[in-house]
Amino acid sequence: MSYLFTSESVSEGHPDKVADQISDAIVDAILAQDPQARVACETLVTTGLVVLAGEITTSARVDYEAIARQTIREIGYDRSELRFDAESCGVITTIHRQSPDIAQGVNRGQGLDPDLGAGDQGMMFGYACRETEEYMPMPIAYAHRILRELAHIRKHEKHLMPYLRPDAKCQVTIEYTDQGQPLRVHTIVLSTQHEEFAEDWKHMHRQIEEDVRTKLLPRVLPPDMVDERTRLFVNPTGRFVLGGPHADTGLTGRKIIVDTYGGRAPHGGGAFSGKDPTKVDRSAAYMARYIAKNLVAAGIADEVLIQVAYAIGIARPVALYVNTYGTARVPLSDSEIAQKLLELFDLRPAAIIEHLGLQTPIYRPTAAYGHLGRTPAEIPFTHTTCVIEQTSNGPQEKYLTETRKATTFPWEKLDQVERLREAFAVQETLSN
């Protein structure tokens, strides 16, 4: 017998993802100037309107409206016929400072814990398995791949599918053996927004389905995972002309399962986008993924789930849980593995931030196609500092800029493998 498991992804033009990307673009703009900033930025997008709200404490000078418009433009909402576009939409900003009661707990030396405490209570999860080269579950990995390639075609190879618009969703069902091994792609559901390029909607539907089958999917799916029984549903309603924020209101933080493991692993409930790394919803979830991925790559287990829990204002986690689902390759119980991990990794927020380099502008790329299972890359950014100079006309602001470097998706690095193999006395070398 076999079983089926399904995950979905959404494109960068999906309304909720538009909101996520605006929020994270604001986080990046602030961190580029003020790495110590406290940011909690929520975005709402709807027909002709963007609303920015939240709590931000920073010395940075940031044009929130300009960032929102530029992000919308880069996604592809750049013309009026989409009924939501960067030039004509209204932008309302209602942002205030972080609560002093919260700040007291997350600023060093101000709260009960002298260290930088967790920005909130809660539990965060990290997960890794050996199903794909990204150490991610296959359903969510394939769904992301399909939509990333669809966006690439829309932006860079328009001649292949010239009718594409930004909004899209993809759902992938994988058939597994009873032992949990992926067998085949069972079903793909893809809904993609498109121009009204023909009077007959049935003709449009046939054209889009044919292009998806022959031009898109062969680029991203391994041939041995697709067979004649694989089912494909493209735009199952028949047409998808109206989309994006005009058709559906989008909000930051509503795609947390898309952002993580596609439902394969639990989720603590806290969204990532719009938050600076003192929020353990974000930083601790990244750290848990980092540990889980390195554990699997080191051959300690074939599948690992990690849960870490915090109390607001307290630096050290209140609990760490590990589940290897019976796949551990070392003679230790899961609780013993958890104890050893506490000895190997410093899970205080400040230590996580420093180890992964999280106080840098690396978050906009995370806000579409998954925060996890991505490839780290070094990027340059411009750091801006405002200084006050005394002149004959009184104090004057002067802005100094320098080019710095940051690493995107640092929690995906496999730089702890040898350290873990040594600590757990792993002998054999495993290949994915």
Foldseek 3Di string as FASTA:
>chain_A
DWDKDKFKFKFCQAQQLLQLLLLLLVLQQQLLAFLPKWWFWKWKFAQQEIEIEEAIDGPDDDDSLVSSLVSQVVLPQDDCVLRYHSPRGYYHYYYHHDDVVLVQLQDACRHPANHRFASAWWKAKAKFFDQDPLRADPFLLLNLQLNVQVSCCCPPVCVLPVFFDRTKMKMWMFMAHPVGHTQATAEMEIETATACPDPDLQVVQVVVVVSCVPPRPVVRDDPRRDDPNYYYHYNVVSHHHRRGNHVPMYMHPPPQCSQHHRPPDDGGRDGAGNGALSHCSHLVNLLNNLVNHLCCQLQQFRIKMKMWTGHRSHFATPDIFMDRPPGGPFPDDRVVVRVVVVVVDRRGSVRSCVVQVRSHSQPSVSSRSYLGSDDKDKDKDKHKYWDWDQDPVGTDIDIDIDIDIHIHSSSSDNPCSVVVCVSRVPDDRDDD
